[in-house]
N, C-alpha and C. Protein backbone atom coordinates (compact mmCIF):
# COMPACT_ATOMS: atom_id res chain seq x y z
N MET A 1 13.05 21.39 11.79
CA MET A 1 11.64 21.64 11.60
C MET A 1 10.94 21.54 12.95
N ASN A 2 10.21 22.56 13.29
CA ASN A 2 9.51 22.53 14.56
C ASN A 2 8.10 21.94 14.38
N GLY A 3 7.38 21.79 15.47
CA GLY A 3 6.06 21.19 15.44
C GLY A 3 5.06 21.99 14.62
N TYR A 4 5.21 23.32 14.63
CA TYR A 4 4.31 24.17 13.87
C TYR A 4 4.44 23.91 12.37
N THR A 5 5.65 23.74 11.89
CA THR A 5 5.88 23.48 10.46
C THR A 5 5.30 22.14 10.06
N VAL A 6 5.48 21.13 10.90
CA VAL A 6 4.93 19.80 10.60
C VAL A 6 3.41 19.87 10.56
N PHE A 7 2.81 20.58 11.52
CA PHE A 7 1.36 20.74 11.54
C PHE A 7 0.88 21.44 10.29
N LEU A 8 1.55 22.50 9.88
CA LEU A 8 1.16 23.23 8.70
C LEU A 8 1.29 22.37 7.44
N PHE A 9 2.35 21.58 7.36
CA PHE A 9 2.54 20.68 6.23
C PHE A 9 1.39 19.68 6.16
N LEU A 10 1.04 19.07 7.28
CA LEU A 10 -0.07 18.10 7.31
C LEU A 10 -1.40 18.76 6.98
N LEU A 11 -1.58 19.99 7.42
CA LEU A 11 -2.81 20.73 7.11
C LEU A 11 -2.91 20.98 5.61
N VAL A 12 -1.82 21.41 4.99
CA VAL A 12 -1.82 21.66 3.55
C VAL A 12 -2.02 20.36 2.78
N PHE A 13 -1.37 19.28 3.21
CA PHE A 13 -1.53 17.99 2.56
C PHE A 13 -2.99 17.52 2.64
N GLY A 14 -3.61 17.68 3.78
CA GLY A 14 -5.01 17.32 3.94
C GLY A 14 -5.92 18.16 3.05
N ALA A 15 -5.60 19.46 2.94
CA ALA A 15 -6.40 20.33 2.08
C ALA A 15 -6.27 19.93 0.62
N ILE A 16 -5.07 19.53 0.21
CA ILE A 16 -4.87 19.08 -1.17
C ILE A 16 -5.66 17.81 -1.43
N CYS A 17 -5.63 16.89 -0.47
CA CYS A 17 -6.40 15.64 -0.63
C CYS A 17 -7.89 15.93 -0.72
N TRP A 18 -8.38 16.88 0.06
CA TRP A 18 -9.79 17.25 0.02
C TRP A 18 -10.11 17.94 -1.30
N LEU A 19 -9.23 18.84 -1.74
CA LEU A 19 -9.46 19.55 -3.00
C LEU A 19 -9.46 18.61 -4.19
N ARG A 20 -8.72 17.53 -4.09
CA ARG A 20 -8.65 16.56 -5.20
C ARG A 20 -10.04 16.04 -5.55
N THR A 21 -10.89 15.88 -4.55
CA THR A 21 -12.26 15.42 -4.82
C THR A 21 -13.18 16.55 -5.20
N GLN A 22 -12.84 17.78 -4.85
CA GLN A 22 -13.71 18.93 -5.11
C GLN A 22 -13.41 19.63 -6.44
N VAL A 23 -12.18 19.51 -6.91
CA VAL A 23 -11.77 20.20 -8.14
C VAL A 23 -11.50 19.14 -9.21
N PRO A 24 -12.44 18.97 -10.16
CA PRO A 24 -12.30 17.88 -11.12
C PRO A 24 -11.11 18.02 -12.08
N TRP A 25 -10.63 19.24 -12.33
CA TRP A 25 -9.53 19.41 -13.28
C TRP A 25 -8.17 19.18 -12.63
N LEU A 26 -8.12 19.05 -11.31
CA LEU A 26 -6.85 18.80 -10.64
C LEU A 26 -6.38 17.40 -10.98
N GLY A 27 -5.23 17.30 -11.62
CA GLY A 27 -4.73 16.02 -12.10
C GLY A 27 -5.03 15.79 -13.57
N HIS A 28 -5.73 16.73 -14.18
CA HIS A 28 -6.07 16.63 -15.60
C HIS A 28 -5.69 17.92 -16.33
N LEU A 29 -4.58 18.51 -15.95
CA LEU A 29 -4.11 19.74 -16.59
C LEU A 29 -3.38 19.40 -17.88
N PRO A 30 -3.24 20.39 -18.78
CA PRO A 30 -2.39 20.14 -19.95
C PRO A 30 -0.97 19.86 -19.46
N GLY A 31 -0.38 18.81 -19.94
CA GLY A 31 0.93 18.40 -19.47
C GLY A 31 0.86 17.15 -18.61
N ASP A 32 -0.33 16.79 -18.15
CA ASP A 32 -0.53 15.54 -17.44
C ASP A 32 -0.75 14.44 -18.48
N LEU A 33 -0.08 13.33 -18.30
CA LEU A 33 -0.18 12.23 -19.27
C LEU A 33 -1.24 11.23 -18.84
N THR A 34 -2.07 10.81 -19.78
CA THR A 34 -3.04 9.76 -19.55
C THR A 34 -2.81 8.68 -20.60
N ILE A 35 -2.52 7.48 -20.13
CA ILE A 35 -2.20 6.37 -21.03
C ILE A 35 -3.29 5.30 -20.87
N PRO A 36 -4.10 5.09 -21.92
CA PRO A 36 -5.12 4.04 -21.82
C PRO A 36 -4.49 2.65 -21.94
N ILE A 37 -4.86 1.78 -21.02
CA ILE A 37 -4.36 0.41 -21.02
C ILE A 37 -5.56 -0.52 -20.82
N GLY A 38 -5.92 -1.23 -21.86
CA GLY A 38 -7.05 -2.15 -21.76
C GLY A 38 -8.32 -1.43 -21.36
N LYS A 39 -8.93 -1.85 -20.26
CA LYS A 39 -10.16 -1.23 -19.78
C LYS A 39 -9.89 -0.11 -18.79
N GLY A 40 -8.64 0.13 -18.46
CA GLY A 40 -8.28 1.16 -17.49
C GLY A 40 -7.37 2.21 -18.10
N GLN A 41 -6.76 2.97 -17.24
CA GLN A 41 -5.83 3.99 -17.70
C GLN A 41 -4.80 4.28 -16.61
N VAL A 42 -3.67 4.79 -17.04
CA VAL A 42 -2.62 5.22 -16.12
C VAL A 42 -2.48 6.73 -16.29
N VAL A 43 -2.55 7.45 -15.19
CA VAL A 43 -2.44 8.91 -15.22
C VAL A 43 -1.13 9.31 -14.57
N ILE A 44 -0.32 10.10 -15.28
CA ILE A 44 0.95 10.61 -14.76
C ILE A 44 0.82 12.14 -14.71
N PRO A 45 0.55 12.70 -13.53
CA PRO A 45 0.25 14.13 -13.41
C PRO A 45 1.51 15.01 -13.36
N LEU A 46 2.20 15.15 -14.46
CA LEU A 46 3.45 15.92 -14.48
C LEU A 46 3.22 17.40 -14.17
N ALA A 47 2.28 18.03 -14.87
CA ALA A 47 2.02 19.46 -14.68
C ALA A 47 1.47 19.73 -13.28
N THR A 48 0.59 18.86 -12.80
CA THR A 48 0.03 19.04 -11.46
C THR A 48 1.12 18.95 -10.40
N CYS A 49 2.03 18.00 -10.54
CA CYS A 49 3.13 17.85 -9.59
C CYS A 49 4.08 19.04 -9.64
N LEU A 50 4.32 19.56 -10.83
CA LEU A 50 5.19 20.73 -10.97
C LEU A 50 4.58 21.95 -10.27
N ILE A 51 3.30 22.18 -10.47
CA ILE A 51 2.63 23.31 -9.83
C ILE A 51 2.61 23.13 -8.32
N ALA A 52 2.30 21.92 -7.86
CA ALA A 52 2.29 21.65 -6.41
C ALA A 52 3.68 21.85 -5.81
N SER A 53 4.72 21.45 -6.52
CA SER A 53 6.09 21.61 -6.03
C SER A 53 6.45 23.08 -5.89
N VAL A 54 6.07 23.88 -6.85
CA VAL A 54 6.36 25.32 -6.78
C VAL A 54 5.62 25.95 -5.60
N ILE A 55 4.36 25.58 -5.39
CA ILE A 55 3.59 26.15 -4.29
C ILE A 55 4.18 25.74 -2.94
N VAL A 56 4.52 24.47 -2.79
CA VAL A 56 5.10 24.00 -1.52
C VAL A 56 6.46 24.65 -1.29
N THR A 57 7.27 24.82 -2.33
CA THR A 57 8.57 25.47 -2.19
C THR A 57 8.42 26.90 -1.71
N ILE A 58 7.48 27.63 -2.29
CA ILE A 58 7.25 29.02 -1.88
C ILE A 58 6.80 29.08 -0.42
N ILE A 59 5.91 28.19 -0.02
CA ILE A 59 5.43 28.16 1.36
C ILE A 59 6.58 27.86 2.32
N LEU A 60 7.39 26.86 1.99
CA LEU A 60 8.49 26.50 2.88
C LEU A 60 9.58 27.58 2.94
N LEU A 61 9.82 28.26 1.82
CA LEU A 61 10.77 29.38 1.85
C LEU A 61 10.26 30.51 2.73
N TYR A 62 8.98 30.77 2.65
CA TYR A 62 8.37 31.81 3.49
C TYR A 62 8.47 31.44 4.95
N LEU A 63 8.17 30.18 5.29
CA LEU A 63 8.25 29.73 6.68
C LEU A 63 9.69 29.74 7.18
N GLY A 64 10.64 29.43 6.31
CA GLY A 64 12.05 29.41 6.71
C GLY A 64 12.59 30.79 7.02
N ARG A 65 12.09 31.80 6.35
CA ARG A 65 12.57 33.17 6.57
C ARG A 65 11.97 33.79 7.83
N LYS A 66 10.81 33.31 8.24
CA LYS A 66 10.18 33.88 9.44
C LYS A 66 10.90 33.48 10.72
N SER A 67 11.54 32.33 10.72
CA SER A 67 12.15 31.86 11.98
C SER A 67 13.60 32.25 12.10
C-alpha cells in the first residue's frame, strides 16, 4: 500500500465519520439490531457494516487495478 492509498482510506474514513452526524438513518437501516437495556440501548449495525464493507471493497479493488 502506498501513501496515496493510505491517504484516500483516511479521507473516506473521515467522510464516513462526518456523514454519521449528518445522515440520521445511517446506523438505523433495516437489518440493524437495537436492543433496549434498562435506560439505554445497544445498537448492532449489521446492515450498515455490510453496505460499508461492499463500498470499501469496490473502492480498494478499483485502486488495486489502477496500479
